[in-house]
Amino acid sequence: MTGKRYDVAVIGLGAMGAAALWRLAEHGVNVIGIDQFSVPHDLGATHGKTRLFRTFCLEHPALGDYARLARTLFAQLEQVTGIPLLSVTGGTIIGSADSLAVSGTLRAAKHLGSALAVWDARELAARQPQHLRLRAKDIAVCDPEAGVANPEGFIRAALQRARRLSASILTDVRVDALDDTGQGVRLTTSAGEVRASQVVVAGGAWLRRFVPDLPLDPIRTVMTWFDPGPNYALAAFPVFVREIKPDLTLWGHGALPGGAVKIGLGDIGVPRTALDPDQSDRRITRRDTQGVRRAVGTWLGGISAEPVSAHPCMITRTPDAQFIVGQYRGRILVAGGDSGHAFKHAPALGEVIARQALGKAIELETAFIAPQRFN
């Protein structure tokens, strides 16, 4: 490997890294992707069988543009690989009119010029009786473009497509150091030396190893699945986000055929302790599921509050709960800080990174995810 040179090297092949590799390859770039594990794997954030897909994103209005581009790119990747990646089911965003979930979703709809249906609490109770203890002030905003995406399938599809376009991929190879030589970047790895004109660092929870001055906090969360009751198939209980109070948000979706109901607690604004990703505890205890068990037992009906499965996940937070994607320093670009809501946008973020690396125009708003906002 020593001495071989690439146009771009991508470090980390989770959602953002795999997307960047694929999109760079689609642009005809001589690119290599490197991951310290076999991929896909369950040691970071891109696993768990499903991820929510929402177009009208409460986190930032401009993310709707990313979601729509991502949906187009998901469809293109599905077509060329035959791997199912996105199932559109529709979904509901529930809370009071002034809640972040509802107000943010409506703000995103306005940005996209879309008029969304809104149900009052009575109509929501009639249509989705699984939701208990609805308040008179609760409303549900209907996102007809919401659905569930396939994280592991996306990694496989993106890497398969990248390989077909002649990208090189190294797995179970650790990158130990980056050195900008002035003529390019030298990567010191456990398998030898790699040289590239530019590097995209997309290391997920390990991103701080390469960009220690950026405010990135890896945190451990737990995904939980529940036994589906009679009314909890995906068609009857599609994607939802329900803000009960500012520090308590439930999200999830009904069971796919042969699967379980996935329900979790929102992380934005909830205090968590940053961790060393190499020391993350992968054991699941009763304490890990205490909050979601209590929430399911209180706010949902017709379903056991005891999880049938639980699995750890490491997300990476930023202070403003937005991603960090773009030119970092010199020949290094960064793609990370998922903050628990990046997967749905991964294809679009990969395209943004590819265009930035190539100096091509980008039609999406990027200032709110740029690394420079933390300078």
Foldseek 3Di string as FASTA:
>chain_A
DPPDEFAEEEEDLFLQRLLLLLLLLVVVGQYEYEYQAPPPDFLAFQDDFKDKQFLLDLLALLVNVLLVVLVVVQVVLCVVQVQDWWDQQKEKEKDACPASRNVSSVSNCVVVVHDWDKAFPVVCCVQQVQFPDDDRRMMITIGRRMTITGRRSVSVSSVVSSVVSPHHYYYSKAFQDWDQPVQFIWTQIPVGIYTHNFYEYEHFLCSCSHVVVAAKFKFKAKKFFFADFPQFAQNSWPWYWYDPDRQWIKTWGGAYVVGTTTIDTDDVPPDTHGDDSVPDDFDDDCVRLVVQLVCSVPTGPRTHSDTPDMTMHIGMAHPSLAWEFADDDDRYTYTGRNSSPCNSSSNSSSNVNSCRSVVHDDPGDCPVRHSVVVD
